[in-house]
PDB file of N, CA and C in Angstrom:
ATOM      1  N   MET A   1      89.756 103.438  77.337  1.00  0.00           N
ATOM      2  CA  MET A   1      90.188 102.779  78.569  1.00  0.00           C
ATOM      3  C   MET A   1      90.785 101.401  78.265  1.00  0.00           C
ATOM      4  N   PHE A   2      90.012 100.594  77.561  1.00  0.00           N
ATOM      5  CA  PHE A   2      90.486  99.241  77.260  1.00  0.00           C
ATOM      6  C   PHE A   2      91.698  99.269  76.331  1.00  0.00           C
ATOM      7  N   ARG A   3      91.701 100.249  75.438  1.00  0.00           N
ATOM      8  CA  ARG A   3      92.823 100.364  74.512  1.00  0.00           C
ATOM      9  C   ARG A   3      94.100 100.674  75.299  1.00  0.00           C
ATOM     10  N   ASN A   4      93.981 101.565  76.270  1.00  0.00           N
ATOM     11  CA  ASN A   4      95.131 101.917  77.109  1.00  0.00           C
ATOM     12  C   ASN A   4      95.649 100.698  77.863  1.00  0.00           C
ATOM     13  N   LEU A   5      94.733  99.884  78.359  1.00  0.00           N
ATOM     14  CA  LEU A   5      95.130  98.672  79.087  1.00  0.00           C
ATOM     15  C   LEU A   5      95.910  97.742  78.162  1.00  0.00           C
ATOM     16  N   LYS A   6      95.442  97.653  76.927  1.00  0.00           N
ATOM     17  CA  LYS A   6      96.102  96.782  75.954  1.00  0.00           C
ATOM     18  C   LYS A   6      97.531  97.273  75.703  1.00  0.00           C
ATOM     19  N   ILE A   7      97.673  98.573  75.533  1.00  0.00           N
ATOM     20  CA  ILE A   7      98.999  99.166  75.305  1.00  0.00           C
ATOM     21  C   ILE A   7      99.889  98.925  76.512  1.00  0.00           C
ATOM     22  N   LEU A   8      99.328  99.103  77.688  1.00  0.00           N
ATOM     23  CA  LEU A   8     100.074  98.883  78.922  1.00  0.00           C
ATOM     24  C   LEU A   8     100.583  97.444  78.965  1.00  0.00           C
ATOM     25  N   GLU A   9      99.720  96.522  78.636  1.00  0.00           N
ATOM     26  CA  GLU A   9     100.090  95.099  78.629  1.00  0.00           C
ATOM     27  C   GLU A   9     101.268  94.850  77.691  1.00  0.00           C
ATOM     28  N   LEU A  10     101.246  95.522  76.547  1.00  0.00           N
ATOM     29  CA  LEU A  10     102.308  95.321  75.556  1.00  0.00           C
ATOM     30  C   LEU A  10     103.631  95.935  76.010  1.00  0.00           C
ATOM     31  N   THR A  11     103.549  97.077  76.681  1.00  0.00           N
ATOM     32  CA  THR A  11     104.776  97.779  77.062  1.00  0.00           C
ATOM     33  C   THR A  11     105.302  97.360  78.429  1.00  0.00           C
ATOM     34  N   GLN A  12     104.502  96.640  79.185  1.00  0.00           N
ATOM     35  CA  GLN A  12     104.889  96.259  80.544  1.00  0.00           C
ATOM     36  C   GLN A  12     106.268  95.569  80.617  1.00  0.00           C
ATOM     37  N   PRO A  13     106.538  94.553  79.812  1.00  0.00           N
ATOM     38  CA  PRO A  13     107.839  93.876  79.868  1.00  0.00           C
ATOM     39  C   PRO A  13     109.001  94.851  79.681  1.00  0.00           C
ATOM     40  N   MET A  14     108.858  95.778  78.732  1.00  0.00           N
ATOM     41  CA  MET A  14     109.900  96.772  78.482  1.00  0.00           C
ATOM     42  C   MET A  14     110.117  97.649  79.709  1.00  0.00           C
ATOM     43  N   VAL A  15     109.024  98.109  80.281  1.00  0.00           N
ATOM     44  CA  VAL A  15     109.097  98.975  81.462  1.00  0.00           C
ATOM     45  C   VAL A  15     109.782  98.246  82.612  1.00  0.00           C
ATOM     46  N   LEU A  16     109.432  96.982  82.790  1.00  0.00           N
ATOM     47  CA  LEU A  16     110.014  96.198  83.883  1.00  0.00           C
ATOM     48  C   LEU A  16     111.515  96.033  83.698  1.00  0.00           C
ATOM     49  N   SER A  17     111.927  95.689  82.515  1.00  0.00           N
ATOM     50  CA  SER A  17     113.358  95.488  82.268  1.00  0.00           C
ATOM     51  C   SER A  17     114.113  96.808  82.412  1.00  0.00           C
ATOM     52  N   LYS A  18     113.473  97.907  81.983  1.00  0.00           N
ATOM     53  CA  LYS A  18     114.111  99.223  82.113  1.00  0.00           C
ATOM     54  C   LYS A  18     114.297  99.588  83.570  1.00  0.00           C
ATOM     55  N   SER A  19     113.261  99.380  84.361  1.00  0.00           N
ATOM     56  CA  SER A  19     113.343  99.735  85.784  1.00  0.00           C
ATOM     57  C   SER A  19     114.418  98.885  86.475  1.00  0.00           C
ATOM     58  N   LYS A  20     114.527  97.624  86.061  1.00  0.00           N
ATOM     59  CA  LYS A  20     115.552  96.746  86.626  1.00  0.00           C
ATOM     60  C   LYS A  20     116.936  97.308  86.314  1.00  0.00           C
ATOM     61  N   PHE A  21     117.108  97.742  85.067  1.00  0.00           N
ATOM     62  CA  PHE A  21     118.382  98.321  84.631  1.00  0.00           C
ATOM     63  C   PHE A  21     118.698  99.585  85.427  1.00  0.00           C
ATOM     64  N   PHE A  22     117.693 100.460  85.571  1.00  0.00           N
ATOM     65  CA  PHE A  22     117.913 101.710  86.291  1.00  0.00           C
ATOM     66  C   PHE A  22     118.212 101.459  87.765  1.00  0.00           C
ATOM     67  N   ARG A  23     117.549 100.477  88.334  1.00  0.00           N
ATOM     68  CA  ARG A  23     117.780 100.159  89.746  1.00  0.00           C
ATOM     69  C   ARG A  23     119.234  99.720  89.935  1.00  0.00           C
ATOM     70  N   ARG A  24     119.717  98.882  89.024  1.00  0.00           N
ATOM     71  CA  ARG A  24     121.098  98.405  89.097  1.00  0.00           C
ATOM     72  C   ARG A  24     122.065  99.589  88.993  1.00  0.00           C
ATOM     73  N   LYS A  25     121.776 100.468  88.040  1.00  0.00           N
ATOM     74  CA  LYS A  25     122.619 101.652  87.829  1.00  0.00           C
ATOM     75  C   LYS A  25     122.609 102.533  89.074  1.00  0.00           C
ATOM     76  N   PHE A  26     121.425 102.710  89.629  1.00  0.00           N
ATOM     77  CA  PHE A  26     121.267 103.547  90.817  1.00  0.00           C
ATOM     78  C   PHE A  26     122.076 102.975  91.987  1.00  0.00           C
ATOM     79  N   ILE A  27     121.952 101.677  92.215  1.00  0.00           N
ATOM     80  CA  ILE A  27     122.692 101.011  93.299  1.00  0.00           C
ATOM     81  C   ILE A  27     124.191 101.173  93.068  1.00  0.00           C
ATOM     82  N   PHE A  28     124.593 101.036  91.813  1.00  0.00           N
ATOM     83  CA  PHE A  28     126.007 101.186  91.462  1.00  0.00           C
ATOM     84  C   PHE A  28     126.504 102.585  91.827  1.00  0.00           C
ATOM     85  N   LEU A  29     125.720 103.602  91.474  1.00  0.00           N
ATOM     86  CA  LEU A  29     126.101 104.988  91.768  1.00  0.00           C
ATOM     87  C   LEU A  29     126.151 105.234  93.269  1.00  0.00           C
ATOM     88  N   VAL A  30     125.188 104.711  93.993  1.00  0.00           N
ATOM     89  CA  VAL A  30     125.147 104.896  95.451  1.00  0.00           C
ATOM     90  C   VAL A  30     126.383 104.271  96.091  1.00  0.00           C
ATOM     91  N   ASN A  31     126.734 103.079  95.653  1.00  0.00           N
ATOM     92  CA  ASN A  31     127.916 102.396  96.199  1.00  0.00           C
ATOM     93  C   ASN A  31     129.179 103.202  95.919  1.00  0.00           C
ATOM     94  N   ARG A  32     129.235 103.790  94.747  1.00  0.00           N
ATOM     95  CA  ARG A  32     130.389 104.603  94.365  1.00  0.00           C
ATOM     96  C   ARG A  32     130.525 105.808  95.299  1.00  0.00           C
ATOM     97  N   LYS A  33     129.396 106.459  95.563  1.00  0.00           N
ATOM     98  CA  LYS A  33     129.408 107.624  96.458  1.00  0.00           C
ATOM     99  C   LYS A  33     129.857 107.222  97.860  1.00  0.00           C
ATOM    100  N   LYS A  34     129.384 106.098  98.315  1.00  0.00           N
ATOM    101  CA  LYS A  34     129.761 105.618  99.657  1.00  0.00           C
ATOM    102  C   LYS A  34     131.270 105.401  99.732  1.00  0.00           C
ATOM    103  N   ARG A  35     131.837 104.848  98.675  1.00  0.00           N
ATOM    104  CA  ARG A  35     133.279 104.581  98.652  1.00  0.00           C
ATOM    105  C   ARG A  35     134.083 105.881  98.653  1.00  0.00           C
ATOM    106  N   LEU A  36     133.564 106.888  97.973  1.00  0.00           N
ATOM    107  CA  LEU A  36     134.284 108.167  97.889  1.00  0.00           C
ATOM    108  C   LEU A  36     134.359 108.864  99.246  1.00  0.00           C
ATOM    109  N   LYS A  37     133.336 108.673 100.074  1.00  0.00           N
ATOM    110  CA  LYS A  37     133.293 109.366 101.374  1.00  0.00           C
ATOM    111  C   LYS A  37     134.382 108.896 102.310  1.00  0.00           C
TER     112      LYS A  37
END
């Protein structure tokens, strides 16, 4: 349990930056679809 928490703590920054990147990409794709309509 504690070991998992430690790993989570270490990977958290990476996960956050990845989700930020994906969110930006997702918004970009949504805007593109809206323009096509």
